[in-house]
Amino acid sequence: MLNSYALRRALSDKKYKKIFVERLTEPLHLNLISAGVALFGSYRAKVAFDLMVRQQYAFPVLFAADEAKKLGLKRIQVLEFGVATGAGLLNLCDCAARTEAETGIAIEVVGFDTGSGMPPAIDYRDMPEYFQEGDYPMDFEALRRSLPGRCRLLIGDVAETIPAYLASVTAEAPVGFISVDVDYYSSAVNTLKVLDGRPEQYLPLLPVYLDDVGMDGANPWNGELLAAAEFNARQPMRKIAPFNLLRSKRVFKNAQWIDRMFTAHIHDHPARTPATAKRAQQAYIPNEYLR
């Protein structure tokens, strides 16, 4: 199902133009190598070569699972805010299943949505020139029937669903990735309150995907970027920042998703405090110039 979906997306006019601009402007030898990776490569190699549907989900889920493994965890949760018809949520479930097989980390997927489309915009900060009331409704029953057992939908206003959700999150299965695709500034402000829980309810650093920051009219004074800035201002020990040096770490560097990938730093997490972060071995840098 996902393979045919990927093909339909690739052949659509909008995606075809995106592939032309992003992929075909990359070095020829990398595209040739990626053909072999697509046919014979492991899941981890396909993620490295941007060969997954919604790479913006494949990369952070795998990153989160690797981080969880370093901490000795066995389970994590990944969240999507703004489900709409659910194509992204199904992709996220597929990434979770394949990452689980790759890493051994069990991954639960949780989708948050009003179920009834977008509410009215409050003012210019919600960018009403791009989004309006009623956009992106959901066929709840059709989507529910398609979801795998690892996924659950939380329908309603996030102001109500987030507190109940956080009450269920344990340190044994923390949040490892958050996708914010709620379009409005006002919705993003409420969505980012999911990061207001206890520090052990999260990985010490977790990827945050901000989907709606790429339009020409988006800027730090509106939309999801403004919501992130306000979160940083009110949270002294939690900060959302661009993912450090991500472009330089990627094989393919022209993909737009890279500019939408951020990291939530949970500075008050036990793993980031001096008492618990101390290593068993002292760090040492050898110096080949010394006699």
C-alpha atoms as a PDB file:
ATOM      1  CA  MET A   1       0.000   0.000   0.000  1.00  0.00           C
ATOM      2  CA  LEU A   2       2.752   2.460   0.947  1.00  0.00           C
ATOM      3  CA  ASN A   3       4.761   1.650  -2.197  1.00  0.00           C
ATOM      4  CA  SER A   4       1.862   2.521  -4.506  1.00  0.00           C
ATOM      5  CA  TYR A   5       1.179   5.594  -2.395  1.00  0.00           C
ATOM      6  CA  ALA A   6       4.812   6.666  -2.747  1.00  0.00           C
ATOM      7  CA  LEU A   7       4.611   6.250  -6.520  1.00  0.00           C
ATOM      8  CA  ARG A   8       1.417   8.300  -6.772  1.00  0.00           C
ATOM      9  CA  ARG A   9       2.987  11.065  -4.671  1.00  0.00           C
ATOM     10  CA  ALA A  10       6.141  11.078  -6.789  1.00  0.00           C
ATOM     11  CA  LEU A  11       4.169  11.377 -10.030  1.00  0.00           C
ATOM     12  CA  SER A  12       1.910  14.185  -8.834  1.00  0.00           C
ATOM     13  CA  ASP A  13       2.746  17.599 -10.283  1.00  0.00           C
ATOM     14  CA  LYS A  14       3.693  19.174  -6.968  1.00  0.00           C
ATOM     15  CA  LYS A  15       5.903  16.287  -5.851  1.00  0.00           C
ATOM     16  CA  TYR A  16       7.449  15.893  -9.299  1.00  0.00           C
ATOM     17  CA  LYS A  17       8.619  19.513  -9.175  1.00  0.00           C
ATOM     18  CA  LYS A  18       9.936  18.987  -5.647  1.00  0.00           C
ATOM     19  CA  ILE A  19      11.902  15.906  -6.725  1.00  0.00           C
ATOM     20  CA  PHE A  20      13.317  17.815  -9.694  1.00  0.00           C
ATOM     21  CA  VAL A  21      14.473  20.724  -7.524  1.00  0.00           C
ATOM     22  CA  GLU A  22      15.657  18.769  -4.478  1.00  0.00           C
ATOM     23  CA  ARG A  23      16.896  15.436  -5.763  1.00  0.00           C
ATOM     24  CA  LEU A  24      18.055  15.996  -9.324  1.00  0.00           C
ATOM     25  CA  THR A  25      20.178  18.982  -8.289  1.00  0.00           C
ATOM     26  CA  GLU A  26      22.262  16.678  -6.060  1.00  0.00           C
ATOM     27  CA  PRO A  27      25.524  15.107  -7.344  1.00  0.00           C
ATOM     28  CA  LEU A  28      24.923  12.469 -10.025  1.00  0.00           C
ATOM     29  CA  HIS A  29      27.048   9.816  -8.324  1.00  0.00           C
ATOM     30  CA  LEU A  30      24.952  10.057  -5.142  1.00  0.00           C
ATOM     31  CA  ASN A  31      21.746   9.551  -7.099  1.00  0.00           C
ATOM     32  CA  LEU A  32      23.288   6.542  -8.833  1.00  0.00           C
ATOM     33  CA  ILE A  33      24.347   5.057  -5.507  1.00  0.00           C
ATOM     34  CA  SER A  34      20.883   5.682  -4.088  1.00  0.00           C
ATOM     35  CA  ALA A  35      19.376   3.492  -6.826  1.00  0.00           C
ATOM     36  CA  GLY A  36      21.387   0.566  -5.484  1.00  0.00           C
ATOM     37  CA  VAL A  37      20.454   1.427  -1.909  1.00  0.00           C
ATOM     38  CA  ALA A  38      16.779   1.513  -2.890  1.00  0.00           C
ATOM     39  CA  LEU A  39      17.034  -2.017  -4.291  1.00  0.00           C
ATOM     40  CA  PHE A  40      19.395  -3.690  -1.841  1.00  0.00           C
ATOM     41  CA  GLY A  41      20.012  -1.387   1.121  1.00  0.00           C
ATOM     42  CA  SER A  42      18.952  -1.826   4.738  1.00  0.00           C
ATOM     43  CA  TYR A  43      16.295   0.343   6.297  1.00  0.00           C
ATOM     44  CA  ARG A  44      18.962   2.444   8.001  1.00  0.00           C
ATOM     45  CA  ALA A  45      20.718   2.972   4.656  1.00  0.00           C
ATOM     46  CA  LYS A  46      17.443   4.006   2.999  1.00  0.00           C
ATOM     47  CA  VAL A  47      16.858   6.578   5.721  1.00  0.00           C
ATOM     48  CA  ALA A  48      20.408   7.875   5.261  1.00  0.00           C
ATOM     49  CA  PHE A  49      19.805   8.241   1.502  1.00  0.00           C
ATOM     50  CA  ASP A  50      16.384   9.918   1.888  1.00  0.00           C
ATOM     51  CA  LEU A  51      14.537   7.048   0.230  1.00  0.00           C
ATOM     52  CA  MET A  52      11.568   6.851   2.589  1.00  0.00           C
ATOM     53  CA  VAL A  53       8.126   8.385   2.185  1.00  0.00           C
ATOM     54  CA  ARG A  54       8.079  11.372   4.550  1.00  0.00           C
ATOM     55  CA  GLN A  55      11.761  11.378   5.359  1.00  0.00           C
ATOM     56  CA  GLN A  56      10.865  14.012   7.963  1.00  0.00           C
ATOM     57  CA  TYR A  57       9.370  11.109   9.938  1.00  0.00           C
ATOM     58  CA  ALA A  58      11.811   8.345   9.036  1.00  0.00           C
ATOM     59  CA  PHE A  59      14.907  10.243  10.192  1.00  0.00           C
ATOM     60  CA  PRO A  60      13.659  11.525  13.578  1.00  0.00           C
ATOM     61  CA  VAL A  61      11.993   8.246  14.574  1.00  0.00           C
ATOM     62  CA  LEU A  62      15.203   6.332  13.897  1.00  0.00           C
ATOM     63  CA  PHE A  63      17.209   9.034  15.700  1.00  0.00           C
ATOM     64  CA  ALA A  64      14.888   8.823  18.716  1.00  0.00           C
ATOM     65  CA  ALA A  65      15.125   5.029  18.858  1.00  0.00           C
ATOM     66  CA  ASP A  66      18.925   5.204  18.761  1.00  0.00           C
ATOM     67  CA  GLU A  67      18.921   7.777  21.569  1.00  0.00           C
ATOM     68  CA  ALA A  68      16.569   5.607  23.615  1.00  0.00           C
ATOM     69  CA  LYS A  69      18.872   2.628  23.144  1.00  0.00           C
ATOM     70  CA  LYS A  70      21.827   4.626  24.494  1.00  0.00           C
ATOM     71  CA  LEU A  71      19.805   5.271  27.654  1.00  0.00           C
ATOM     72  CA  GLY A  72      18.880   1.615  28.076  1.00  0.00           C
ATOM     73  CA  LEU A  73      15.210   2.210  27.296  1.00  0.00           C
ATOM     74  CA  LYS A  74      13.042  -0.380  25.563  1.00  0.00           C
ATOM     75  CA  ARG A  75      10.077   1.755  24.463  1.00  0.00           C
ATOM     76  CA  ILE A  76       9.301   5.272  23.237  1.00  0.00           C
ATOM     77  CA  GLN A  77       6.303   7.185  21.924  1.00  0.00           C
ATOM     78  CA  VAL A  78       6.142   9.367  18.817  1.00  0.00           C
ATOM     79  CA  LEU A  79       3.441  11.982  18.321  1.00  0.00           C
ATOM     80  CA  GLU A  80       1.751  13.643  15.360  1.00  0.00           C
ATOM     81  CA  PHE A  81      -0.289  16.794  15.931  1.00  0.00           C
ATOM     82  CA  GLY A  82      -2.541  17.582  12.972  1.00  0.00           C
ATOM     83  CA  VAL A  83      -3.665  14.267  11.496  1.00  0.00           C
ATOM     84  CA  ALA A  84      -6.278  15.399   8.931  1.00  0.00           C
ATOM     85  CA  THR A  85      -7.055  12.443   6.623  1.00  0.00           C
ATOM     86  CA  GLY A  86      -4.235  10.433   8.180  1.00  0.00           C
ATOM     87  CA  ALA A  87      -1.754   9.770   5.367  1.00  0.00           C
ATOM     88  CA  GLY A  88       1.081  11.155   7.489  1.00  0.00           C
ATOM     89  CA  LEU A  89      -0.011   9.160  10.529  1.00  0.00           C
ATOM     90  CA  LEU A  90       0.013   5.934   8.504  1.00  0.00           C
ATOM     91  CA  ASN A  91       3.492   6.816   7.224  1.00  0.00           C
ATOM     92  CA  LEU A  92       4.574   7.448  10.809  1.00  0.00           C
ATOM     93  CA  CYS A  93       3.246   4.020  11.796  1.00  0.00           C
ATOM     94  CA  ASP A  94       5.223   2.434   8.951  1.00  0.00           C
ATOM     95  CA  CYS A  95       8.400   4.253  10.033  1.00  0.00           C
ATOM     96  CA  ALA A  96       7.780   3.117  13.613  1.00  0.00           C
ATOM     97  CA  ALA A  97       7.379  -0.514  12.583  1.00  0.00           C
ATOM     98  CA  ARG A  98      10.497  -0.506  10.426  1.00  0.00           C
ATOM     99  CA  THR A  99      12.531   1.342  13.056  1.00  0.00           C
ATOM    100  CA  GLU A 100      11.387  -1.116  15.697  1.00  0.00           C
ATOM    101  CA  ALA A 101      12.591  -4.002  13.525  1.00  0.00           C
ATOM    102  CA  GLU A 102      15.917  -2.199  12.972  1.00  0.00           C
ATOM    103  CA  THR A 103      16.640  -1.200  16.590  1.00  0.00           C
ATOM    104  CA  GLY A 104      14.552  -3.426  18.848  1.00  0.00           C
ATOM    105  CA  ILE A 105      12.973  -0.344  20.466  1.00  0.00           C
ATOM    106  CA  ALA A 106       9.184  -0.674  20.708  1.00  0.00           C
ATOM    107  CA  ILE A 107       7.430   2.439  19.364  1.00  0.00           C
ATOM    108  CA  GLU A 108       3.897   3.592  20.067  1.00  0.00           C
ATOM    109  CA  VAL A 109       2.328   6.187  17.758  1.00  0.00           C
ATOM    110  CA  VAL A 110      -0.203   8.754  18.978  1.00  0.00           C
ATOM    111  CA  GLY A 111      -2.136  11.105  16.693  1.00  0.00           C
ATOM    112  CA  PHE A 112      -3.834  14.284  17.943  1.00  0.00           C
ATOM    113  CA  ASP A 113      -6.536  16.108  15.980  1.00  0.00           C
ATOM    114  CA  THR A 114      -9.779  17.988  16.486  1.00  0.00           C
ATOM    115  CA  GLY A 115     -11.444  15.563  14.062  1.00  0.00           C
ATOM    116  CA  SER A 116     -13.510  18.389  12.603  1.00  0.00           C
ATOM    117  CA  GLY A 117     -11.007  20.462  10.658  1.00  0.00           C
ATOM    118  CA  MET A 118      -9.391  23.744  11.585  1.00  0.00           C
ATOM    119  CA  PRO A 119     -11.012  26.311  13.907  1.00  0.00           C
ATOM    120  CA  PRO A 120     -11.327  30.007  13.009  1.00  0.00           C
ATOM    121  CA  ALA A 121      -8.063  31.980  12.791  1.00  0.00           C
ATOM    122  CA  ILE A 122      -7.469  34.444  15.614  1.00  0.00           C
ATOM    123  CA  ASP A 123      -5.512  37.098  13.659  1.00  0.00           C
ATOM    124  CA  TYR A 124      -2.560  37.568  11.276  1.00  0.00           C
ATOM    125  CA  ARG A 125      -0.384  35.299  13.441  1.00  0.00           C
ATOM    126  CA  ASP A 126      -2.428  32.305  12.268  1.00  0.00           C
ATOM    127  CA  MET A 127      -1.607  33.193   8.635  1.00  0.00           C
ATOM    128  CA  PRO A 128      -5.229  33.212   7.400  1.00  0.00           C
ATOM    129  CA  GLU A 129      -3.950  33.877   3.874  1.00  0.00           C
ATOM    130  CA  TYR A 130      -2.880  30.201   3.841  1.00  0.00           C
ATOM    131  CA  PHE A 131      -5.337  28.473   6.209  1.00  0.00           C
ATOM    132  CA  GLN A 132      -8.990  28.901   7.103  1.00  0.00           C
ATOM    133  CA  GLU A 133     -11.760  27.445   9.247  1.00  0.00           C
ATOM    134  CA  GLY A 134     -12.843  23.966   8.220  1.00  0.00           C
ATOM    135  CA  ASP A 135      -9.679  23.039   6.326  1.00  0.00           C
ATOM    136  CA  TYR A 136      -8.389  19.452   6.625  1.00  0.00           C
ATOM    137  CA  PRO A 137     -11.375  17.542   8.048  1.00  0.00           C
ATOM    138  CA  MET A 138     -11.041  13.883   9.054  1.00  0.00           C
ATOM    139  CA  ASP A 139     -13.050  10.746   8.237  1.00  0.00           C
ATOM    140  CA  PHE A 140     -12.509   9.325  11.701  1.00  0.00           C
ATOM    141  CA  GLU A 141     -14.065   5.890  11.185  1.00  0.00           C
ATOM    142  CA  ALA A 142     -12.283   5.239   7.885  1.00  0.00           C
ATOM    143  CA  LEU A 143      -8.951   6.228   9.413  1.00  0.00           C
ATOM    144  CA  ARG A 144      -9.535   4.285  12.608  1.00  0.00           C
ATOM    145  CA  ARG A 145     -10.132   1.107  10.612  1.00  0.00           C
ATOM    146  CA  SER A 146      -6.821   1.571   8.785  1.00  0.00           C
ATOM    147  CA  LEU A 147      -4.605   2.168  11.806  1.00  0.00           C
ATOM    148  CA  PRO A 148      -2.364  -0.613  13.154  1.00  0.00           C
ATOM    149  CA  GLY A 149      -2.448  -1.718  16.774  1.00  0.00           C
ATOM    150  CA  ARG A 150       0.570   0.397  17.719  1.00  0.00           C
ATOM    151  CA  CYS A 151      -1.369   3.616  16.997  1.00  0.00           C
ATOM    152  CA  ARG A 152      -4.105   5.468  18.807  1.00  0.00           C
ATOM    153  CA  LEU A 153      -6.012   8.633  17.964  1.00  0.00           C
ATOM    154  CA  LEU A 154      -6.821  11.309  20.526  1.00  0.00           C
ATOM    155  CA  ILE A 155      -9.654  13.423  19.162  1.00  0.00           C
ATOM    156  CA  GLY A 156     -10.528  16.817  20.605  1.00  0.00           C
ATOM    157  CA  ASP A 157      -9.050  20.155  21.597  1.00  0.00           C
ATOM    158  CA  VAL A 158      -5.390  19.667  22.572  1.00  0.00           C
ATOM    159  CA  ALA A 159      -6.002  21.901  25.579  1.00  0.00           C
ATOM    160  CA  GLU A 160      -8.022  18.953  26.898  1.00  0.00           C
ATOM    161  CA  THR A 161      -6.302  15.936  25.334  1.00  0.00           C
ATOM    162  CA  ILE A 162      -2.691  16.857  26.183  1.00  0.00           C
ATOM    163  CA  PRO A 163      -3.061  16.945  30.010  1.00  0.00           C
ATOM    164  CA  ALA A 164      -4.810  13.555  29.982  1.00  0.00           C
ATOM    165  CA  TYR A 165      -2.186  12.147  27.653  1.00  0.00           C
ATOM    166  CA  LEU A 166       0.758  13.416  29.737  1.00  0.00           C
ATOM    167  CA  ALA A 167      -0.763  11.843  32.824  1.00  0.00           C
ATOM    168  CA  SER A 168      -0.275   8.459  31.121  1.00  0.00           C
ATOM    169  CA  VAL A 169       3.347   8.910  29.986  1.00  0.00           C
ATOM    170  CA  THR A 170       5.974   7.081  32.032  1.00  0.00           C
ATOM    171  CA  ALA A 171       9.746   7.323  32.223  1.00  0.00           C
ATOM    172  CA  GLU A 172       9.922   3.773  30.821  1.00  0.00           C
ATOM    173  CA  ALA A 173       8.274   4.865  27.550  1.00  0.00           C
ATOM    174  CA  PRO A 174       9.044   8.587  27.080  1.00  0.00           C
ATOM    175  CA  VAL A 175       8.171  10.839  24.171  1.00  0.00           C
ATOM    176  CA  GLY A 176      10.880  10.629  21.527  1.00  0.00           C
ATOM    177  CA  PHE A 177       9.602  12.672  18.581  1.00  0.00           C
ATOM    178  CA  ILE A 178       6.903  15.287  17.970  1.00  0.00           C
ATOM    179  CA  SER A 179       5.514  16.389  14.622  1.00  0.00           C
ATOM    180  CA  VAL A 180       3.707  19.733  14.740  1.00  0.00           C
ATOM    181  CA  ASP A 181       1.508  20.148  11.661  1.00  0.00           C
ATOM    182  CA  VAL A 182      -1.300  22.253  13.101  1.00  0.00           C
ATOM    183  CA  ASP A 183      -0.817  25.208  10.706  1.00  0.00           C
ATOM    184  CA  TYR A 184      -1.995  27.991  13.035  1.00  0.00           C
ATOM    185  CA  TYR A 185       0.162  29.882  15.519  1.00  0.00           C
ATOM    186  CA  SER A 186      -2.633  29.649  18.090  1.00  0.00           C
ATOM    187  CA  SER A 187      -2.901  25.872  17.688  1.00  0.00           C
ATOM    188  CA  ALA A 188       0.885  25.465  17.868  1.00  0.00           C
ATOM    189  CA  VAL A 189       1.010  27.411  21.163  1.00  0.00           C
ATOM    190  CA  ASN A 190      -1.358  24.889  22.737  1.00  0.00           C
ATOM    191  CA  THR A 191       0.353  21.932  21.037  1.00  0.00           C
ATOM    192  CA  LEU A 192       3.799  22.771  22.438  1.00  0.00           C
ATOM    193  CA  LYS A 193       2.379  22.451  25.943  1.00  0.00           C
ATOM    194  CA  VAL A 194       2.939  18.739  25.397  1.00  0.00           C
ATOM    195  CA  LEU A 195       6.546  19.563  26.359  1.00  0.00           C
ATOM    196  CA  ASP A 196       5.491  20.924  29.777  1.00  0.00           C
ATOM    197  CA  GLY A 197       5.496  17.548  31.531  1.00  0.00           C
ATOM    198  CA  ARG A 198       8.006  16.034  33.923  1.00  0.00           C
ATOM    199  CA  PRO A 199      11.539  15.849  32.462  1.00  0.00           C
ATOM    200  CA  GLU A 200      11.689  12.054  32.584  1.00  0.00           C
ATOM    201  CA  GLN A 201       8.640  11.876  30.290  1.00  0.00           C
ATOM    202  CA  TYR A 202      10.889  12.811  27.347  1.00  0.00           C
ATOM    203  CA  LEU A 203      14.180  11.842  25.833  1.00  0.00           C
ATOM    204  CA  PRO A 204      16.839  14.373  26.901  1.00  0.00           C
ATOM    205  CA  LEU A 205      16.771  15.733  23.367  1.00  0.00           C
ATOM    206  CA  LEU A 206      14.030  14.878  20.936  1.00  0.00           C
ATOM    207  CA  PRO A 207      13.413  15.895  17.335  1.00  0.00           C
ATOM    208  CA  VAL A 208      10.521  18.296  16.713  1.00  0.00           C
ATOM    209  CA  TYR A 209       9.250  18.717  13.164  1.00  0.00           C
ATOM    210  CA  LEU A 210       7.613  22.086  12.454  1.00  0.00           C
ATOM    211  CA  ASP A 211       5.790  21.572   9.172  1.00  0.00           C
ATOM    212  CA  ASP A 212       4.361  24.991   8.450  1.00  0.00           C
ATOM    213  CA  VAL A 213       7.436  27.204   8.422  1.00  0.00           C
ATOM    214  CA  GLY A 214       8.250  27.038   4.715  1.00  0.00           C
ATOM    215  CA  MET A 215       5.675  29.343   3.134  1.00  0.00           C
ATOM    216  CA  ASP A 216       6.868  32.686   1.821  1.00  0.00           C
ATOM    217  CA  GLY A 217       4.703  34.454   4.395  1.00  0.00           C
ATOM    218  CA  ALA A 218       6.031  32.500   7.391  1.00  0.00           C
ATOM    219  CA  ASN A 219       8.479  34.308   9.676  1.00  0.00           C
ATOM    220  CA  PRO A 220       9.573  34.434  13.336  1.00  0.00           C
ATOM    221  CA  TRP A 221       6.640  36.745  14.140  1.00  0.00           C
ATOM    222  CA  ASN A 222       3.847  34.414  13.063  1.00  0.00           C
ATOM    223  CA  GLY A 223       2.911  30.751  12.770  1.00  0.00           C
ATOM    224  CA  GLU A 224       4.786  27.869  14.341  1.00  0.00           C
ATOM    225  CA  LEU A 225       8.066  29.775  14.600  1.00  0.00           C
ATOM    226  CA  LEU A 226       6.440  32.378  16.822  1.00  0.00           C
ATOM    227  CA  ALA A 227       4.862  29.633  18.929  1.00  0.00           C
ATOM    228  CA  ALA A 228       8.296  28.004  19.383  1.00  0.00           C
ATOM    229  CA  ALA A 229       9.852  31.352  20.348  1.00  0.00           C
ATOM    230  CA  GLU A 230       7.155  31.937  22.965  1.00  0.00           C
ATOM    231  CA  PHE A 231       7.655  28.431  24.306  1.00  0.00           C
ATOM    232  CA  ASN A 232      11.372  29.165  24.724  1.00  0.00           C
ATOM    233  CA  ALA A 233      10.592  32.438  26.491  1.00  0.00           C
ATOM    234  CA  ARG A 234       8.317  30.832  29.074  1.00  0.00           C
ATOM    235  CA  GLN A 235      10.319  27.640  29.642  1.00  0.00           C
ATOM    236  CA  PRO A 236      13.712  28.339  31.247  1.00  0.00           C
ATOM    237  CA  MET A 237      14.810  24.672  31.116  1.00  0.00           C
ATOM    238  CA  ARG A 238      13.213  23.523  27.835  1.00  0.00           C
ATOM    239  CA  LYS A 239      14.354  24.984  24.526  1.00  0.00           C
ATOM    240  CA  ILE A 240      13.392  24.351  20.898  1.00  0.00           C
ATOM    241  CA  ALA A 241      16.257  25.047  18.499  1.00  0.00           C
ATOM    242  CA  PRO A 242      17.184  24.088  14.925  1.00  0.00           C
ATOM    243  CA  PHE A 243      18.669  20.602  14.731  1.00  0.00           C
ATOM    244  CA  ASN A 244      22.412  21.148  15.081  1.00  0.00           C
ATOM    245  CA  LEU A 245      24.412  20.844  11.823  1.00  0.00           C
ATOM    246  CA  LEU A 246      21.793  18.537  10.343  1.00  0.00           C
ATOM    247  CA  ARG A 247      22.379  19.604   6.740  1.00  0.00           C
ATOM    248  CA  SER A 248      26.108  18.888   6.966  1.00  0.00           C
ATOM    249  CA  LYS A 249      25.357  15.416   8.340  1.00  0.00           C
ATOM    250  CA  ARG A 250      23.011  14.403   5.506  1.00  0.00           C
ATOM    251  CA  VAL A 251      24.056  12.677   2.278  1.00  0.00           C
ATOM    252  CA  PHE A 252      21.505  14.739   0.324  1.00  0.00           C
ATOM    253  CA  LYS A 253      21.528  18.366   1.419  1.00  0.00           C
ATOM    254  CA  ASN A 254      18.847  20.096  -0.668  1.00  0.00           C
ATOM    255  CA  ALA A 255      15.777  18.555   0.977  1.00  0.00           C
ATOM    256  CA  GLN A 256      13.363  21.087   2.470  1.00  0.00           C
ATOM    257  CA  TRP A 257      12.532  18.882   5.456  1.00  0.00           C
ATOM    258  CA  ILE A 258      15.984  19.626   6.888  1.00  0.00           C
ATOM    259  CA  ASP A 259      15.010  23.264   7.469  1.00  0.00           C
ATOM    260  CA  ARG A 260      11.855  22.158   9.279  1.00  0.00           C
ATOM    261  CA  MET A 261      13.631  19.869  11.733  1.00  0.00           C
ATOM    262  CA  PHE A 262      14.218  21.198  15.226  1.00  0.00           C
ATOM    263  CA  THR A 263      15.247  19.698  18.555  1.00  0.00           C
ATOM    264  CA  ALA A 264      13.584  20.080  21.941  1.00  0.00           C
ATOM    265  CA  HIS A 265      16.320  20.213  24.565  1.00  0.00           C
ATOM    266  CA  ILE A 266      15.109  19.009  27.962  1.00  0.00           C
ATOM    267  CA  HIS A 267      17.831  20.623  30.047  1.00  0.00           C
ATOM    268  CA  ASP A 268      16.287  19.512  33.329  1.00  0.00           C
ATOM    269  CA  HIS A 269      16.311  15.853  32.287  1.00  0.00           C
ATOM    270  CA  PRO A 270      18.174  13.616  34.767  1.00  0.00           C
ATOM    271  CA  ALA A 271      20.550  12.532  31.985  1.00  0.00           C
ATOM    272  CA  ARG A 272      21.658  16.160  31.549  1.00  0.00           C
ATOM    273  CA  THR A 273      22.446  16.889  35.201  1.00  0.00           C
ATOM    274  CA  PRO A 274      26.026  16.572  36.574  1.00  0.00           C
ATOM    275  CA  ALA A 275      25.195  13.917  39.157  1.00  0.00           C
ATOM    276  CA  THR A 276      23.703  11.423  36.698  1.00  0.00           C
ATOM    277  CA  ALA A 277      25.476  12.413  33.477  1.00  0.00           C
ATOM    278  CA  LYS A 278      28.938  11.485  34.813  1.00  0.00           C
ATOM    279  CA  ARG A 279      30.633   8.776  32.721  1.00  0.00           C
ATOM    280  CA  ALA A 280      32.454   5.767  34.110  1.00  0.00           C
ATOM    281  CA  GLN A 281      35.543   6.597  32.049  1.00  0.00           C
ATOM    282  CA  GLN A 282      37.339   9.919  31.800  1.00  0.00           C
ATOM    283  CA  ALA A 283      37.567  11.440  28.327  1.00  0.00           C
ATOM    284  CA  TYR A 284      41.083  11.562  26.883  1.00  0.00           C
ATOM    285  CA  ILE A 285      42.484  13.038  23.665  1.00  0.00           C
ATOM    286  CA  PRO A 286      45.715  11.417  22.449  1.00  0.00           C
ATOM    287  CA  ASN A 287      48.405  13.756  21.129  1.00  0.00           C
ATOM    288  CA  GLU A 288      50.579  12.222  18.407  1.00  0.00           C
ATOM    289  CA  TYR A 289      52.977  15.182  18.627  1.00  0.00           C
ATOM    290  CA  LEU A 290      54.114  14.307  22.151  1.00  0.00           C
ATOM    291  CA  ARG A 291      57.320  12.274  22.435  1.00  0.00           C
END
